[in-house]
Amino acid sequence: MNRRDVIRQTGRVVILSGIGLLSIFLATNQKVVTPENCSVSPLCRNCGKFRKCELPQANKERSHGK
């Protein structure tokens, strides 16, 4: 293994580690959209899917509207 291969392999490890750490950081700080959070509209009543939506925020919005 020569110096060029060592540098190339080290670069790959650093990049993959950075991607892994970034994904863990985003997931733990809830920056990643999960099925529990709507990404279409923050205001449920303005959303075209409001009547059929089963997300907790839509259910809560419907129950407050009645």
N, C-alpha and C. Protein backbone atom coordinates (compact mmCIF):
# COMPACT_ATOMS: atom_id res chain seq x y z
N MET A 1 0.85 -1.17 0.00
CA MET A 1 0.00 0.00 0.00
C MET A 1 0.90 1.23 0.00
N ASN A 2 0.71 2.09 -0.98
CA ASN A 2 1.56 3.27 -1.04
C ASN A 2 0.84 4.47 -0.42
N ARG A 3 1.53 5.58 -0.42
CA ARG A 3 1.04 6.79 0.24
C ARG A 3 -0.25 7.28 -0.39
N ARG A 4 -0.38 7.21 -1.68
CA ARG A 4 -1.59 7.66 -2.36
C ARG A 4 -2.81 6.85 -1.93
N ASP A 5 -2.65 5.54 -1.80
CA ASP A 5 -3.75 4.69 -1.36
C ASP A 5 -4.16 4.99 0.09
N VAL A 6 -3.18 5.26 0.94
CA VAL A 6 -3.47 5.59 2.33
C VAL A 6 -4.25 6.90 2.41
N ILE A 7 -3.85 7.89 1.65
CA ILE A 7 -4.55 9.18 1.64
C ILE A 7 -5.96 9.01 1.10
N ARG A 8 -6.13 8.26 0.06
CA ARG A 8 -7.45 8.02 -0.54
C ARG A 8 -8.37 7.29 0.45
N GLN A 9 -7.84 6.26 1.10
CA GLN A 9 -8.64 5.49 2.06
C GLN A 9 -9.00 6.35 3.28
N THR A 10 -8.08 7.16 3.74
CA THR A 10 -8.35 8.05 4.88
C THR A 10 -9.42 9.07 4.51
N GLY A 11 -9.36 9.61 3.32
CA GLY A 11 -10.38 10.55 2.86
C GLY A 11 -11.76 9.93 2.83
N ARG A 12 -11.85 8.70 2.37
CA ARG A 12 -13.14 8.00 2.33
C ARG A 12 -13.70 7.80 3.73
N VAL A 13 -12.84 7.40 4.65
CA VAL A 13 -13.27 7.17 6.03
C VAL A 13 -13.75 8.48 6.66
N VAL A 14 -13.04 9.56 6.42
CA VAL A 14 -13.42 10.86 6.98
C VAL A 14 -14.77 11.31 6.41
N ILE A 15 -14.97 11.18 5.12
CA ILE A 15 -16.22 11.60 4.49
C ILE A 15 -17.39 10.75 5.00
N LEU A 16 -17.23 9.44 5.04
CA LEU A 16 -18.30 8.57 5.52
C LEU A 16 -18.61 8.81 6.99
N SER A 17 -17.60 9.07 7.79
CA SER A 17 -17.82 9.37 9.20
C SER A 17 -18.58 10.68 9.35
N GLY A 18 -18.22 11.67 8.55
CA GLY A 18 -18.93 12.95 8.60
C GLY A 18 -20.39 12.82 8.22
N ILE A 19 -20.67 12.05 7.19
CA ILE A 19 -22.06 11.84 6.78
C ILE A 19 -22.83 11.12 7.89
N GLY A 20 -22.22 10.12 8.49
CA GLY A 20 -22.87 9.39 9.58
C GLY A 20 -23.15 10.27 10.78
N LEU A 21 -22.17 11.07 11.17
CA LEU A 21 -22.35 11.96 12.31
C LEU A 21 -23.40 13.04 12.03
N LEU A 22 -23.42 13.55 10.81
CA LEU A 22 -24.41 14.56 10.44
C LEU A 22 -25.81 13.97 10.49
N SER A 23 -25.99 12.74 9.99
CA SER A 23 -27.32 12.14 10.04
C SER A 23 -27.77 11.87 11.46
N ILE A 24 -26.86 11.44 12.32
CA ILE A 24 -27.21 11.23 13.73
C ILE A 24 -27.58 12.55 14.37
N PHE A 25 -26.83 13.60 14.11
CA PHE A 25 -27.13 14.92 14.67
C PHE A 25 -28.50 15.42 14.22
N LEU A 26 -28.79 15.30 12.93
CA LEU A 26 -30.08 15.76 12.42
C LEU A 26 -31.24 14.94 12.98
N ALA A 27 -31.05 13.65 13.12
CA ALA A 27 -32.12 12.80 13.65
C ALA A 27 -32.38 13.07 15.13
N THR A 28 -31.34 13.29 15.90
CA THR A 28 -31.54 13.52 17.33
C THR A 28 -32.09 14.91 17.62
N ASN A 29 -31.84 15.86 16.75
CA ASN A 29 -32.37 17.21 16.94
C ASN A 29 -33.67 17.43 16.18
N GLN A 30 -34.27 16.35 15.70
CA GLN A 30 -35.56 16.35 15.01
C GLN A 30 -35.58 17.31 13.82
N LYS A 31 -34.49 17.35 13.08
CA LYS A 31 -34.43 18.16 11.87
C LYS A 31 -34.85 17.34 10.65
N VAL A 32 -35.02 16.05 10.85
CA VAL A 32 -35.42 15.17 9.78
C VAL A 32 -36.94 15.02 9.85
N VAL A 33 -37.60 15.13 8.72
CA VAL A 33 -39.05 15.00 8.69
C VAL A 33 -39.43 13.55 8.93
N THR A 34 -40.28 13.34 9.90
CA THR A 34 -40.77 12.00 10.19
C THR A 34 -42.22 11.91 9.77
N PRO A 35 -42.77 10.73 9.68
CA PRO A 35 -44.18 10.61 9.28
C PRO A 35 -45.14 11.30 10.23
N GLU A 36 -44.71 11.64 11.44
CA GLU A 36 -45.57 12.32 12.40
C GLU A 36 -45.66 13.82 12.11
N ASN A 37 -44.74 14.34 11.33
CA ASN A 37 -44.73 15.75 11.01
C ASN A 37 -45.09 15.97 9.56
N CYS A 38 -45.94 16.94 9.30
CA CYS A 38 -46.36 17.22 7.94
C CYS A 38 -45.39 18.20 7.29
N SER A 39 -45.01 17.91 6.07
CA SER A 39 -44.11 18.81 5.35
C SER A 39 -44.85 19.59 4.28
N VAL A 40 -46.15 19.33 4.11
CA VAL A 40 -46.91 19.98 3.06
C VAL A 40 -47.33 21.38 3.49
N SER A 41 -47.98 21.49 4.63
CA SER A 41 -48.49 22.77 5.09
C SER A 41 -48.47 22.82 6.61
N PRO A 42 -47.89 23.85 7.19
CA PRO A 42 -47.89 23.95 8.65
C PRO A 42 -49.29 24.25 9.19
N LEU A 43 -50.16 24.79 8.37
CA LEU A 43 -51.53 25.07 8.78
C LEU A 43 -52.44 24.04 8.13
N CYS A 44 -52.95 23.13 8.93
CA CYS A 44 -53.72 22.00 8.40
C CYS A 44 -54.93 22.42 7.58
N ARG A 45 -55.64 23.39 8.01
CA ARG A 45 -56.88 23.76 7.33
C ARG A 45 -56.62 24.28 5.91
N ASN A 46 -55.42 24.74 5.62
CA ASN A 46 -55.09 25.24 4.29
C ASN A 46 -54.59 24.12 3.37
N CYS A 47 -54.51 22.92 3.87
CA CYS A 47 -53.96 21.80 3.12
C CYS A 47 -55.08 21.08 2.36
N GLY A 48 -54.80 20.69 1.14
CA GLY A 48 -55.77 19.97 0.34
C GLY A 48 -56.02 18.55 0.84
N LYS A 49 -55.12 18.01 1.65
CA LYS A 49 -55.26 16.65 2.16
C LYS A 49 -55.85 16.61 3.57
N PHE A 50 -56.34 17.74 4.06
CA PHE A 50 -56.76 17.87 5.46
C PHE A 50 -57.84 16.86 5.83
N ARG A 51 -58.85 16.66 4.99
CA ARG A 51 -59.98 15.78 5.33
C ARG A 51 -59.56 14.32 5.47
N LYS A 52 -58.58 13.89 4.68
CA LYS A 52 -58.18 12.48 4.69
C LYS A 52 -56.90 12.23 5.49
N CYS A 53 -56.28 13.27 5.98
CA CYS A 53 -55.00 13.14 6.68
C CYS A 53 -55.18 12.46 8.04
N GLU A 54 -54.29 11.53 8.35
CA GLU A 54 -54.36 10.81 9.61
C GLU A 54 -53.22 11.18 10.56
N LEU A 55 -52.47 12.21 10.25
CA LEU A 55 -51.39 12.63 11.12
C LEU A 55 -51.96 13.22 12.40
N PRO A 56 -51.23 13.10 13.52
CA PRO A 56 -51.73 13.60 14.80
C PRO A 56 -52.11 15.08 14.77
N GLN A 57 -51.33 15.89 14.06
CA GLN A 57 -51.64 17.32 14.05
C GLN A 57 -52.95 17.60 13.33
N ALA A 58 -53.28 16.83 12.30
CA ALA A 58 -54.54 17.01 11.58
C ALA A 58 -55.71 16.52 12.44
N ASN A 59 -55.53 15.41 13.11
CA ASN A 59 -56.58 14.91 14.00
C ASN A 59 -56.86 15.91 15.11
N LYS A 60 -55.82 16.48 15.66
CA LYS A 60 -55.98 17.48 16.72
C LYS A 60 -56.70 18.72 16.18
N GLU A 61 -56.34 19.15 14.99
CA GLU A 61 -56.96 20.32 14.37
C GLU A 61 -58.45 20.07 14.10
N ARG A 62 -58.77 18.87 13.64
CA ARG A 62 -60.18 18.54 13.39
C ARG A 62 -60.98 18.48 14.68
N SER A 63 -60.39 17.95 15.73
CA SER A 63 -61.13 17.84 17.01
C SER A 63 -61.34 19.21 17.65
N HIS A 64 -60.44 20.15 17.42
CA HIS A 64 -60.62 21.52 17.96
C HIS A 64 -61.62 22.30 17.14
N GLY A 65 -61.79 21.94 15.89
CA GLY A 65 -62.70 22.68 15.01
C GLY A 65 -64.16 22.34 15.23
N LYS A 66 -64.43 21.24 15.90
CA LYS A 66 -65.83 20.80 16.09
C LYS A 66 -66.48 21.45 17.28
